[in-house]
PDB file of N, CA and C in Angstrom:
ATOM      1  N   MET A   1     -27.239   0.648  -5.769  1.00  0.00           N
ATOM      2  CA  MET A   1     -25.861   0.596  -5.595  1.00  0.00           C
ATOM      3  C   MET A   1     -25.008   1.996  -5.736  1.00  0.00           C
ATOM      4  N   SER A   2     -24.275   2.237  -4.820  1.00  0.00           N
ATOM      5  CA  SER A   2     -23.758   3.641  -5.234  1.00  0.00           C
ATOM      6  C   SER A   2     -22.363   3.486  -5.883  1.00  0.00           C
ATOM      7  N   GLN A   3     -21.801   4.376  -6.824  1.00  0.00           N
ATOM      8  CA  GLN A   3     -20.423   4.190  -7.462  1.00  0.00           C
ATOM      9  C   GLN A   3     -19.638   4.652  -6.457  1.00  0.00           C
ATOM     10  N   PHE A   4     -18.479   3.776  -6.276  1.00  0.00           N
ATOM     11  CA  PHE A   4     -16.892   4.589  -5.687  1.00  0.00           C
ATOM     12  C   PHE A   4     -16.514   5.624  -5.884  1.00  0.00           C
ATOM     13  N   VAL A   5     -16.319   6.409  -5.617  1.00  0.00           N
ATOM     14  CA  VAL A   5     -15.611   7.694  -6.216  1.00  0.00           C
ATOM     15  C   VAL A   5     -14.252   8.358  -5.008  1.00  0.00           C
ATOM     16  N   PRO A   6     -13.244   7.888  -5.728  1.00  0.00           N
ATOM     17  CA  PRO A   6     -12.019   8.400  -4.919  1.00  0.00           C
ATOM     18  C   PRO A   6     -11.596   9.553  -4.132  1.00  0.00           C
ATOM     19  N   ARG A   7     -11.499   9.657  -3.080  1.00  0.00           N
ATOM     20  CA  ARG A   7     -11.292  11.463  -2.736  1.00  0.00           C
ATOM     21  C   ARG A   7      -9.888  11.933  -2.971  1.00  0.00           C
ATOM     22  N   PRO A   8      -9.820  13.116  -2.988  1.00  0.00           N
ATOM     23  CA  PRO A   8      -8.840  13.732  -3.223  1.00  0.00           C
ATOM     24  C   PRO A   8      -7.662  13.551  -2.563  1.00  0.00           C
ATOM     25  N   ILE A   9      -6.656  13.153  -3.149  1.00  0.00           N
ATOM     26  CA  ILE A   9      -5.064  12.596  -2.366  1.00  0.00           C
ATOM     27  C   ILE A   9      -4.731  13.834  -1.350  1.00  0.00           C
ATOM     28  N   VAL A  10      -4.368  13.356  -0.074  1.00  0.00           N
ATOM     29  CA  VAL A  10      -3.851  14.386   0.760  1.00  0.00           C
ATOM     30  C   VAL A  10      -2.563  14.387   0.909  1.00  0.00           C
ATOM     31  N   GLU A  11      -1.654  15.496   0.873  1.00  0.00           N
ATOM     32  CA  GLU A  11      -0.390  15.479   0.695  1.00  0.00           C
ATOM     33  C   GLU A  11       0.683  16.875   1.399  1.00  0.00           C
ATOM     34  N   PRO A  12       1.585  16.581   2.086  1.00  0.00           N
ATOM     35  CA  PRO A  12       1.840  15.300   2.953  1.00  0.00           C
ATOM     36  C   PRO A  12       0.623  14.396   3.578  1.00  0.00           C
ATOM     37  N   GLY A  13       0.673  13.446   4.073  1.00  0.00           N
ATOM     38  CA  GLY A  13      -0.467  12.802   4.351  1.00  0.00           C
ATOM     39  C   GLY A  13      -0.909  11.608   4.198  1.00  0.00           C
ATOM     40  N   GLY A  14      -2.207  11.249   4.573  1.00  0.00           N
ATOM     41  CA  GLY A  14      -2.580   9.822   4.105  1.00  0.00           C
ATOM     42  C   GLY A  14      -1.622   8.780   4.386  1.00  0.00           C
ATOM     43  N   LEU A  15      -2.621   7.514   4.241  1.00  0.00           N
ATOM     44  CA  LEU A  15      -1.688   6.016   4.588  1.00  0.00           C
ATOM     45  C   LEU A  15      -1.623   5.484   3.004  1.00  0.00           C
ATOM     46  N   LEU A  16      -0.359   4.771   3.470  1.00  0.00           N
ATOM     47  CA  LEU A  16      -0.097   3.490   2.145  1.00  0.00           C
ATOM     48  C   LEU A  16      -0.413   1.846   2.918  1.00  0.00           C
ATOM     49  N   LEU A  17      -0.952   1.374   2.568  1.00  0.00           N
ATOM     50  CA  LEU A  17      -1.221   0.207   2.520  1.00  0.00           C
ATOM     51  C   LEU A  17      -0.680  -1.129   1.670  1.00  0.00           C
ATOM     52  N   ILE A  18       0.472  -1.756   2.343  1.00  0.00           N
ATOM     53  CA  ILE A  18       1.131  -2.374   1.192  1.00  0.00           C
ATOM     54  C   ILE A  18       0.384  -3.800   1.232  1.00  0.00           C
ATOM     55  N   GLY A  19      -0.226  -4.098   0.058  1.00  0.00           N
ATOM     56  CA  GLY A  19      -1.281  -5.240  -0.007  1.00  0.00           C
ATOM     57  C   GLY A  19      -0.127  -6.521  -0.544  1.00  0.00           C
ATOM     58  N   VAL A  20       0.810  -6.257  -1.305  1.00  0.00           N
ATOM     59  CA  VAL A  20       1.627  -7.070  -1.992  1.00  0.00           C
ATOM     60  C   VAL A  20       1.723  -8.337  -0.805  1.00  0.00           C
ATOM     61  N   GLY A  21       1.895  -9.364  -1.116  1.00  0.00           N
ATOM     62  CA  GLY A  21       1.907 -10.548  -0.157  1.00  0.00           C
ATOM     63  C   GLY A  21       0.718 -11.157   0.533  1.00  0.00           C
ATOM     64  N   LEU A  22      -0.550 -10.301   0.562  1.00  0.00           N
ATOM     65  CA  LEU A  22      -1.684 -10.338   1.235  1.00  0.00           C
ATOM     66  C   LEU A  22      -2.654 -11.606   0.279  1.00  0.00           C
ATOM     67  N   SER A  23      -3.143 -12.435   0.955  1.00  0.00           N
ATOM     68  CA  SER A  23      -4.555 -13.128   0.287  1.00  0.00           C
ATOM     69  C   SER A  23      -5.484 -11.699  -0.245  1.00  0.00           C
ATOM     70  N   ASP A  24      -6.201 -12.137  -1.547  1.00  0.00           N
ATOM     71  CA  ASP A  24      -7.233 -11.245  -1.810  1.00  0.00           C
ATOM     72  C   ASP A  24      -8.478 -11.025  -0.780  1.00  0.00           C
ATOM     73  N   ALA A  25      -8.595 -11.942   0.093  1.00  0.00           N
ATOM     74  CA  ALA A  25      -9.977 -11.698   0.882  1.00  0.00           C
ATOM     75  C   ALA A  25      -9.270 -10.994   2.110  1.00  0.00           C
ATOM     76  N   LEU A  26      -8.007 -10.765   2.488  1.00  0.00           N
ATOM     77  CA  LEU A  26      -7.196 -10.246   3.855  1.00  0.00           C
ATOM     78  C   LEU A  26      -7.148  -8.863   3.094  1.00  0.00           C
ATOM     79  N   LEU A  27      -6.826  -8.717   1.895  1.00  0.00           N
ATOM     80  CA  LEU A  27      -6.809  -7.407   1.409  1.00  0.00           C
ATOM     81  C   LEU A  27      -7.696  -6.365   1.356  1.00  0.00           C
ATOM     82  N   LEU A  28      -8.669  -7.043   0.835  1.00  0.00           N
ATOM     83  CA  LEU A  28      -9.983  -6.123   0.869  1.00  0.00           C
ATOM     84  C   LEU A  28     -10.444  -5.945   2.239  1.00  0.00           C
ATOM     85  N   GLU A  29     -10.250  -7.231   2.976  1.00  0.00           N
ATOM     86  CA  GLU A  29     -10.883  -6.705   4.349  1.00  0.00           C
ATOM     87  C   GLU A  29      -9.911  -5.363   5.110  1.00  0.00           C
ATOM     88  N   THR A  30      -8.736  -5.267   5.090  1.00  0.00           N
ATOM     89  CA  THR A  30      -8.032  -4.501   5.473  1.00  0.00           C
ATOM     90  C   THR A  30      -8.164  -3.252   4.581  1.00  0.00           C
ATOM     91  N   LEU A  31      -8.406  -3.081   3.480  1.00  0.00           N
ATOM     92  CA  LEU A  31      -8.754  -1.958   2.767  1.00  0.00           C
ATOM     93  C   LEU A  31      -9.804  -1.180   3.137  1.00  0.00           C
ATOM     94  N   ALA A  32     -11.106  -2.093   3.396  1.00  0.00           N
ATOM     95  CA  ALA A  32     -12.083  -1.742   4.208  1.00  0.00           C
ATOM     96  C   ALA A  32     -11.978  -1.223   5.519  1.00  0.00           C
ATOM     97  N   ALA A  33     -11.438  -1.771   6.427  1.00  0.00           N
ATOM     98  CA  ALA A  33     -11.029  -1.441   7.755  1.00  0.00           C
ATOM     99  C   ALA A  33     -10.360   0.219   7.783  1.00  0.00           C
ATOM    100  N   LEU A  34      -9.253   0.085   6.745  1.00  0.00           N
ATOM    101  CA  LEU A  34      -8.562   1.547   6.878  1.00  0.00           C
ATOM    102  C   LEU A  34      -9.171   2.757   5.696  1.00  0.00           C
ATOM    103  N   TYR A  35     -10.109   2.231   5.407  1.00  0.00           N
ATOM    104  CA  TYR A  35     -10.619   3.372   4.279  1.00  0.00           C
ATOM    105  C   TYR A  35     -11.598   4.754   5.243  1.00  0.00           C
ATOM    106  N   ASP A  36     -12.201   4.620   5.875  1.00  0.00           N
ATOM    107  CA  ASP A  36     -13.082   5.287   6.989  1.00  0.00           C
ATOM    108  C   ASP A  36     -11.888   6.337   7.762  1.00  0.00           C
ATOM    109  N   THR A  37     -10.597   5.415   8.023  1.00  0.00           N
ATOM    110  CA  THR A  37      -9.716   6.196   9.296  1.00  0.00           C
ATOM    111  C   THR A  37      -9.159   6.640   8.520  1.00  0.00           C
ATOM    112  N   SER A  38      -9.105   7.050   7.369  1.00  0.00           N
ATOM    113  CA  SER A  38      -7.757   7.895   6.731  1.00  0.00           C
ATOM    114  C   SER A  38      -8.283   8.879   5.882  1.00  0.00           C
ATOM    115  N   SER A  39      -7.448   9.897   5.870  1.00  0.00           N
ATOM    116  CA  SER A  39      -7.788  11.363   4.827  1.00  0.00           C
ATOM    117  C   SER A  39      -7.782  10.875   3.442  1.00  0.00           C
ATOM    118  N   SER A  40      -6.955  10.418   2.944  1.00  0.00           N
ATOM    119  CA  SER A  40      -6.777   9.276   1.790  1.00  0.00           C
ATOM    120  C   SER A  40      -5.786   8.059   1.973  1.00  0.00           C
ATOM    121  N   LEU A  41      -6.256   7.134   1.216  1.00  0.00           N
ATOM    122  CA  LEU A  41      -5.575   6.024   1.274  1.00  0.00           C
ATOM    123  C   LEU A  41      -4.948   5.332  -0.035  1.00  0.00           C
ATOM    124  N   THR A  42      -3.850   5.183  -0.316  1.00  0.00           N
ATOM    125  CA  THR A  42      -3.020   4.453  -1.272  1.00  0.00           C
ATOM    126  C   THR A  42      -2.838   3.115  -1.076  1.00  0.00           C
ATOM    127  N   VAL A  43      -3.240   2.238  -2.075  1.00  0.00           N
ATOM    128  CA  VAL A  43      -2.758   0.625  -1.781  1.00  0.00           C
ATOM    129  C   VAL A  43      -1.575   0.570  -3.097  1.00  0.00           C
ATOM    130  N   LEU A  44      -0.420  -0.381  -2.483  1.00  0.00           N
ATOM    131  CA  LEU A  44       0.190  -0.700  -3.316  1.00  0.00           C
ATOM    132  C   LEU A  44       0.147  -2.628  -3.254  1.00  0.00           C
ATOM    133  N   VAL A  45      -0.686  -2.858  -4.742  1.00  0.00           N
ATOM    134  CA  VAL A  45      -0.779  -3.999  -5.135  1.00  0.00           C
ATOM    135  C   VAL A  45       0.373  -4.873  -5.914  1.00  0.00           C
ATOM    136  N   SER A  46       0.271  -5.735  -6.257  1.00  0.00           N
ATOM    137  CA  SER A  46       0.482  -6.923  -7.390  1.00  0.00           C
ATOM    138  C   SER A  46       0.119  -6.477  -8.761  1.00  0.00           C
ATOM    139  N   ARG A  47       0.642  -6.856  -9.819  1.00  0.00           N
ATOM    140  CA  ARG A  47      -0.444  -6.630 -11.091  1.00  0.00           C
ATOM    141  C   ARG A  47      -1.516  -7.894 -11.304  1.00  0.00           C
ATOM    142  N   GLY A  48      -1.375  -9.205 -10.354  1.00  0.00           N
ATOM    143  CA  GLY A  48      -2.177 -10.027 -10.467  1.00  0.00           C
ATOM    144  C   GLY A  48      -3.497  -9.461  -9.278  1.00  0.00           C
ATOM    145  N   GLN A  49      -3.000  -8.925  -8.399  1.00  0.00           N
ATOM    146  CA  GLN A  49      -4.029  -8.359  -7.700  1.00  0.00           C
ATOM    147  C   GLN A  49      -4.767  -7.021  -8.385  1.00  0.00           C
ATOM    148  N   GLN A  50      -4.285  -6.681  -9.163  1.00  0.00           N
ATOM    149  CA  GLN A  50      -4.975  -5.255  -9.716  1.00  0.00           C
ATOM    150  C   GLN A  50      -5.965  -5.975 -10.614  1.00  0.00           C
ATOM    151  N   ALA A  51      -5.154  -6.857 -11.376  1.00  0.00           N
ATOM    152  CA  ALA A  51      -6.330  -7.812 -12.509  1.00  0.00           C
ATOM    153  C   ALA A  51      -7.314  -8.594 -11.997  1.00  0.00           C
ATOM    154  N   ARG A  52      -7.250  -8.946 -10.786  1.00  0.00           N
ATOM    155  CA  ARG A  52      -8.229 -10.024 -10.200  1.00  0.00           C
ATOM    156  C   ARG A  52      -9.332  -8.987  -9.371  1.00  0.00           C
ATOM    157  N   LEU A  53      -8.699  -7.873  -8.824  1.00  0.00           N
ATOM    158  CA  LEU A  53      -9.782  -7.251  -8.073  1.00  0.00           C
ATOM    159  C   LEU A  53     -10.111  -5.724  -8.328  1.00  0.00           C
ATOM    160  N   THR A  54     -11.372  -5.604  -7.914  1.00  0.00           N
ATOM    161  CA  THR A  54     -11.651  -4.113  -7.583  1.00  0.00           C
ATOM    162  C   THR A  54     -11.717  -3.489  -6.289  1.00  0.00           C
ATOM    163  N   LEU A  55     -10.179  -2.695  -6.810  1.00  0.00           N
ATOM    164  CA  LEU A  55      -9.717  -1.946  -5.504  1.00  0.00           C
ATOM    165  C   LEU A  55     -10.536  -0.489  -4.978  1.00  0.00           C
ATOM    166  N   GLN A  56     -11.345  -0.400  -3.579  1.00  0.00           N
ATOM    167  CA  GLN A  56     -12.000   0.803  -3.368  1.00  0.00           C
ATOM    168  C   GLN A  56     -10.954   1.704  -2.520  1.00  0.00           C
ATOM    169  N   ALA A  57      -9.834   2.350  -3.410  1.00  0.00           N
ATOM    170  CA  ALA A  57      -8.998   3.134  -2.469  1.00  0.00           C
ATOM    171  C   ALA A  57      -8.862   4.517  -3.305  1.00  0.00           C
ATOM    172  N   ASP A  58      -8.077   5.593  -2.699  1.00  0.00           N
ATOM    173  CA  ASP A  58      -8.122   6.611  -3.557  1.00  0.00           C
ATOM    174  C   ASP A  58      -7.062   6.685  -4.465  1.00  0.00           C
ATOM    175  N   GLU A  59      -6.084   5.884  -4.577  1.00  0.00           N
ATOM    176  CA  GLU A  59      -4.677   5.825  -5.475  1.00  0.00           C
ATOM    177  C   GLU A  59      -4.496   4.241  -5.121  1.00  0.00           C
ATOM    178  N   VAL A  60      -4.015   3.815  -6.848  1.00  0.00           N
ATOM    179  CA  VAL A  60      -3.282   2.565  -6.538  1.00  0.00           C
ATOM    180  C   VAL A  60      -2.448   2.497  -7.245  1.00  0.00           C
ATOM    181  N   TRP A  61      -1.208   1.681  -6.846  1.00  0.00           N
ATOM    182  CA  TRP A  61      -0.041   1.808  -7.034  1.00  0.00           C
ATOM    183  C   TRP A  61       0.146   0.104  -7.784  1.00  0.00           C
ATOM    184  N   VAL A  62       0.652  -0.148  -8.744  1.00  0.00           N
ATOM    185  CA  VAL A  62       1.000  -1.420  -8.841  1.00  0.00           C
ATOM    186  C   VAL A  62       2.252  -1.973  -8.998  1.00  0.00           C
ATOM    187  N   TYR A  63       2.840  -2.860  -8.074  1.00  0.00           N
ATOM    188  CA  TYR A  63       4.262  -3.047  -7.866  1.00  0.00           C
ATOM    189  C   TYR A  63       4.331  -4.622  -8.881  1.00  0.00           C
ATOM    190  N   GLY A  64       5.623  -4.304  -9.970  1.00  0.00           N
ATOM    191  CA  GLY A  64       6.016  -5.267 -10.896  1.00  0.00           C
ATOM    192  C   GLY A  64       7.544  -5.519 -10.597  1.00  0.00           C
ATOM    193  N   ALA A  65       7.922  -6.905 -10.703  1.00  0.00           N
ATOM    194  CA  ALA A  65       9.384  -7.133 -10.473  1.00  0.00           C
ATOM    195  C   ALA A  65      10.026  -6.155 -11.797  1.00  0.00           C
ATOM    196  N   LEU A  66      10.146  -5.307 -11.442  1.00  0.00           N
ATOM    197  CA  LEU A  66      11.120  -4.101 -12.377  1.00  0.00           C
ATOM    198  C   LEU A  66      12.835  -4.484 -11.920  1.00  0.00           C
ATOM    199  N   GLY A  67      13.205  -5.060 -11.302  1.00  0.00           N
ATOM    200  CA  GLY A  67      14.679  -4.874 -10.935  1.00  0.00           C
ATOM    201  C   GLY A  67      14.883  -3.835 -10.210  1.00  0.00           C
ATOM    202  N   LEU A  68      16.316  -3.686 -10.212  1.00  0.00           N
ATOM    203  CA  LEU A  68      17.269  -2.189  -9.223  1.00  0.00           C
ATOM    204  C   LEU A  68      16.312  -1.106  -9.596  1.00  0.00           C
ATOM    205  N   ARG A  69      16.279  -0.651 -10.697  1.00  0.00           N
ATOM    206  CA  ARG A  69      15.558   0.694 -11.214  1.00  0.00           C
ATOM    207  C   ARG A  69      14.012   0.353 -10.903  1.00  0.00           C
ATOM    208  N   GLY A  70      13.236  -0.521 -11.027  1.00  0.00           N
ATOM    209  CA  GLY A  70      11.935  -0.485 -10.144  1.00  0.00           C
ATOM    210  C   GLY A  70      11.747  -0.062  -9.121  1.00  0.00           C
ATOM    211  N   ALA A  71      12.812  -0.995  -8.100  1.00  0.00           N
ATOM    212  CA  ALA A  71      12.845  -1.013  -6.860  1.00  0.00           C
ATOM    213  C   ALA A  71      13.293   0.557  -6.011  1.00  0.00           C
ATOM    214  N   MET A  72      13.950   1.264  -6.934  1.00  0.00           N
ATOM    215  CA  MET A  72      14.771   2.215  -6.078  1.00  0.00           C
ATOM    216  C   MET A  72      13.327   3.616  -6.741  1.00  0.00           C
ATOM    217  N   ALA A  73      12.570   3.376  -7.588  1.00  0.00           N
ATOM    218  CA  ALA A  73      11.639   4.158  -8.009  1.00  0.00           C
ATOM    219  C   ALA A  73      10.682   3.933  -7.138  1.00  0.00           C
ATOM    220  N   LEU A  74      10.314   2.704  -6.741  1.00  0.00           N
ATOM    221  CA  LEU A  74       9.451   2.484  -5.457  1.00  0.00           C
ATOM    222  C   LEU A  74       9.741   3.576  -4.269  1.00  0.00           C
ATOM    223  N   VAL A  75      10.894   3.014  -3.944  1.00  0.00           N
ATOM    224  CA  VAL A  75      11.486   3.723  -2.649  1.00  0.00           C
ATOM    225  C   VAL A  75      11.602   5.471  -2.770  1.00  0.00           C
ATOM    226  N   ARG A  76      11.749   5.672  -4.119  1.00  0.00           N
ATOM    227  CA  ARG A  76      11.699   7.332  -3.831  1.00  0.00           C
ATOM    228  C   ARG A  76      10.220   7.674  -4.370  1.00  0.00           C
ATOM    229  N   ARG A  77       9.414   7.174  -4.742  1.00  0.00           N
ATOM    230  CA  ARG A  77       8.115   7.276  -4.934  1.00  0.00           C
ATOM    231  C   ARG A  77       7.364   7.671  -3.138  1.00  0.00           C
ATOM    232  N   ILE A  78       7.732   6.311  -2.436  1.00  0.00           N
ATOM    233  CA  ILE A  78       6.972   6.505  -1.078  1.00  0.00           C
ATOM    234  C   ILE A  78       7.748   7.793  -0.124  1.00  0.00           C
ATOM    235  N   SER A  79       9.027   7.879  -0.254  1.00  0.00           N
ATOM    236  CA  SER A  79       9.553   8.765   0.192  1.00  0.00           C
ATOM    237  C   SER A  79       9.061  10.203  -0.615  1.00  0.00           C
ATOM    238  N   TRP A  80       9.133  10.630  -1.605  1.00  0.00           N
ATOM    239  CA  TRP A  80       8.608  12.053  -1.919  1.00  0.00           C
ATOM    240  C   TRP A  80       7.097  12.014  -1.601  1.00  0.00           C
ATOM    241  N   ARG A  81       6.327  10.931  -1.331  1.00  0.00           N
ATOM    242  CA  ARG A  81       4.780  11.296  -0.780  1.00  0.00           C
ATOM    243  C   ARG A  81       4.352  11.654   0.346  1.00  0.00           C
ATOM    244  N   HIS A  82       5.462  11.278   1.067  1.00  0.00           N
ATOM    245  CA  HIS A  82       5.170  11.630   2.723  1.00  0.00           C
ATOM    246  C   HIS A  82       4.239  11.087   3.189  1.00  0.00           C
ATOM    247  N   PHE A  83       3.771   9.743   3.423  1.00  0.00           N
ATOM    248  CA  PHE A  83       2.970   9.491   3.956  1.00  0.00           C
ATOM    249  C   PHE A  83       2.947   9.724   5.477  1.00  0.00           C
ATOM    250  N   GLU A  84       1.691   9.667   6.073  1.00  0.00           N
ATOM    251  CA  GLU A  84       1.354   9.852   7.430  1.00  0.00           C
ATOM    252  C   GLU A  84       1.930   8.549   8.165  1.00  0.00           C
ATOM    253  N   ALA A  85       1.439   7.314   7.701  1.00  0.00           N
ATOM    254  CA  ALA A  85       1.848   6.091   8.413  1.00  0.00           C
ATOM    255  C   ALA A  85       1.855   4.989   7.058  1.00  0.00           C
ATOM    256  N   VAL A  86       2.317   3.744   7.309  1.00  0.00           N
ATOM    257  CA  VAL A  86       2.523   2.888   6.096  1.00  0.00           C
ATOM    258  C   VAL A  86       2.116   1.317   6.867  1.00  0.00           C
ATOM    259  N   HIS A  87       0.945   0.925   6.500  1.00  0.00           N
ATOM    260  CA  HIS A  87       0.614  -0.323   7.274  1.00  0.00           C
ATOM    261  C   HIS A  87       1.061  -1.462   5.996  1.00  0.00           C
ATOM    262  N   GLN A  88       1.860  -2.316   6.330  1.00  0.00           N
ATOM    263  CA  GLN A  88       2.084  -3.260   6.125  1.00  0.00           C
ATOM    264  C   GLN A  88       2.030  -4.850   6.896  1.00  0.00           C
ATOM    265  N   PRO A  89       0.592  -5.516   6.751  1.00  0.00           N
ATOM    266  CA  PRO A  89       0.236  -6.376   7.451  1.00  0.00           C
ATOM    267  C   PRO A  89       0.923  -8.042   7.226  1.00  0.00           C
ATOM    268  N   SER A  90       1.590  -7.974   6.013  1.00  0.00           N
ATOM    269  CA  SER A  90       2.458  -8.819   5.888  1.00  0.00           C
ATOM    270  C   SER A  90       3.847  -9.213   5.406  1.00  0.00           C
ATOM    271  N   ARG A  91       4.938  -9.523   6.030  1.00  0.00           N
ATOM    272  CA  ARG A  91       6.057  -9.196   5.651  1.00  0.00           C
ATOM    273  C   ARG A  91       7.015 -10.367   4.800  1.00  0.00           C
ATOM    274  N   ASP A  92       5.811 -11.019   4.124  1.00  0.00           N
ATOM    275  CA  ASP A  92       6.143 -12.046   3.209  1.00  0.00           C
ATOM    276  C   ASP A  92       6.522 -11.444   1.727  1.00  0.00           C
ATOM    277  N   ALA A  93       6.259 -10.478   1.256  1.00  0.00           N
ATOM    278  CA  ALA A  93       6.933  -9.989   0.020  1.00  0.00           C
ATOM    279  C   ALA A  93       7.107  -8.400   0.778  1.00  0.00           C
ATOM    280  N   LEU A  94       8.326  -7.740   0.071  1.00  0.00           N
ATOM    281  CA  LEU A  94       8.902  -6.482   0.799  1.00  0.00           C
ATOM    282  C   LEU A  94       9.157  -6.242   1.951  1.00  0.00           C
ATOM    283  N   GLY A  95       9.313  -7.323   2.228  1.00  0.00           N
ATOM    284  CA  GLY A  95       9.942  -7.422   3.884  1.00  0.00           C
ATOM    285  C   GLY A  95      10.477  -6.068   4.538  1.00  0.00           C
ATOM    286  N   GLY A  96      11.716  -6.279   3.801  1.00  0.00           N
ATOM    287  CA  GLY A  96      13.144  -4.883   3.944  1.00  0.00           C
ATOM    288  C   GLY A  96      12.464  -3.697   3.229  1.00  0.00           C
ATOM    289  N   LEU A  97      11.415  -3.410   2.716  1.00  0.00           N
ATOM    290  CA  LEU A  97      11.027  -2.024   2.092  1.00  0.00           C
ATOM    291  C   LEU A  97      11.401  -0.777   3.002  1.00  0.00           C
ATOM    292  N   ARG A  98      10.862  -0.820   4.467  1.00  0.00           N
ATOM    293  CA  ARG A  98      10.921  -0.079   5.353  1.00  0.00           C
ATOM    294  C   ARG A  98      12.390   0.527   5.632  1.00  0.00           C
ATOM    295  N   PHE A  99      13.238  -0.495   5.474  1.00  0.00           N
ATOM    296  CA  PHE A  99      14.832   0.104   5.649  1.00  0.00           C
ATOM    297  C   PHE A  99      15.470   0.982   4.673  1.00  0.00           C
ATOM    298  N   PHE A 100      14.730   1.189   3.099  1.00  0.00           N
ATOM    299  CA  PHE A 100      14.802   2.222   2.508  1.00  0.00           C
ATOM    300  C   PHE A 100      14.197   3.555   2.438  1.00  0.00           C
ATOM    301  N   VAL A 101      13.303   3.458   2.917  1.00  0.00           N
ATOM    302  CA  VAL A 101      12.250   4.582   2.650  1.00  0.00           C
ATOM    303  C   VAL A 101      12.910   5.669   3.686  1.00  0.00           C
ATOM    304  N   TRP A 102      13.379   7.105   3.228  1.00  0.00           N
ATOM    305  CA  TRP A 102      13.733   8.070   4.155  1.00  0.00           C
ATOM    306  C   TRP A 102      13.171   9.217   3.428  1.00  0.00           C
ATOM    307  N   PRO A 103      12.594   9.915   4.327  1.00  0.00           N
ATOM    308  CA  PRO A 103      12.249   9.927   5.655  1.00  0.00           C
ATOM    309  C   PRO A 103      11.381   9.123   5.753  1.00  0.00           C
ATOM    310  N   ARG A 104      11.477   8.343   7.307  1.00  0.00           N
ATOM    311  CA  ARG A 104      10.697   7.094   7.002  1.00  0.00           C
ATOM    312  C   ARG A 104       9.248   7.810   7.897  1.00  0.00           C
ATOM    313  N   PRO A 105       8.083   7.348   7.606  1.00  0.00           N
ATOM    314  CA  PRO A 105       6.995   7.401   8.104  1.00  0.00           C
ATOM    315  C   PRO A 105       6.792   6.231   9.061  1.00  0.00           C
ATOM    316  N   ILE A 106       5.496   6.586  10.341  1.00  0.00           N
ATOM    317  CA  ILE A 106       5.427   5.249  10.993  1.00  0.00           C
ATOM    318  C   ILE A 106       4.981   4.266  10.212  1.00  0.00           C
ATOM    319  N   TRP A 107       5.842   3.196  10.667  1.00  0.00           N
ATOM    320  CA  TRP A 107       5.671   1.699   9.584  1.00  0.00           C
ATOM    321  C   TRP A 107       5.082   0.787  10.610  1.00  0.00           C
ATOM    322  N   LEU A 108       3.421   0.424  10.236  1.00  0.00           N
ATOM    323  CA  LEU A 108       3.025  -0.474  11.233  1.00  0.00           C
ATOM    324  C   LEU A 108       3.187  -1.850  10.641  1.00  0.00           C
ATOM    325  N   LEU A 109       4.039  -2.844  11.256  1.00  0.00           N
ATOM    326  CA  LEU A 109       4.159  -4.070  10.437  1.00  0.00           C
ATOM    327  C   LEU A 109       3.515  -4.984  11.417  1.00  0.00           C
ATOM    328  N   GLN A 110       3.266  -6.065  10.548  1.00  0.00           N
ATOM    329  CA  GLN A 110       2.665  -7.327  11.571  1.00  0.00           C
ATOM    330  C   GLN A 110       3.483  -8.659  11.242  1.00  0.00           C
ATOM    331  N   GLY A 111       3.456  -9.713  12.051  1.00  0.00           N
ATOM    332  CA  GLY A 111       4.409 -10.805  11.730  1.00  0.00           C
ATOM    333  C   GLY A 111       4.294 -11.728  10.261  1.00  0.00           C
ATOM    334  N   LYS A 112       4.825 -12.359  10.164  1.00  0.00           N
ATOM    335  CA  LYS A 112       5.061 -13.277   9.244  1.00  0.00           C
ATOM    336  C   LYS A 112       3.623 -14.007   9.181  1.00  0.00           C
ATOM    337  N   THR A 113       3.069 -13.940   7.994  1.00  0.00           N
ATOM    338  CA  THR A 113       1.712 -14.198   7.544  1.00  0.00           C
ATOM    339  C   THR A 113       1.704 -15.834   7.774  1.00  0.00           C
ATOM    340  N   PRO A 114       0.787 -16.658   8.470  1.00  0.00           N
ATOM    341  CA  PRO A 114       0.882 -17.976   8.567  1.00  0.00           C
ATOM    342  C   PRO A 114       0.684 -18.852   7.204  1.00  0.00           C
ATOM    343  N   SER A 115       1.741 -20.057   7.127  1.00  0.00           N
ATOM    344  CA  SER A 115       1.227 -20.629   5.561  1.00  0.00           C
ATOM    345  C   SER A 115      -0.096 -21.635   5.623  1.00  0.00           C
TER     346      SER A 115
END
């Protein structure tokens, strides 16, 4: 069994996967599908997801409910990183995030996750 080794971060560039709001199975499936198609892959997950899952991504950002300061820090971090694209498979959490990031990367959205 091979040991996972993260690739160097490509900046500007790479992909951001917003995993907050996804089920564990869907997050892992989406992560596996995007990893090979990107130069570097950053994933944004909740604290619970980070604790439960072993994520094979080049960079893992953890989102916590940190109030206004935390939200502003997240928006600033995404903006400064200059991602090539952002994949957001679920709008259940952080649905309006794309409206606050500038300059805005290509933002790939999918519909609401069925209950």
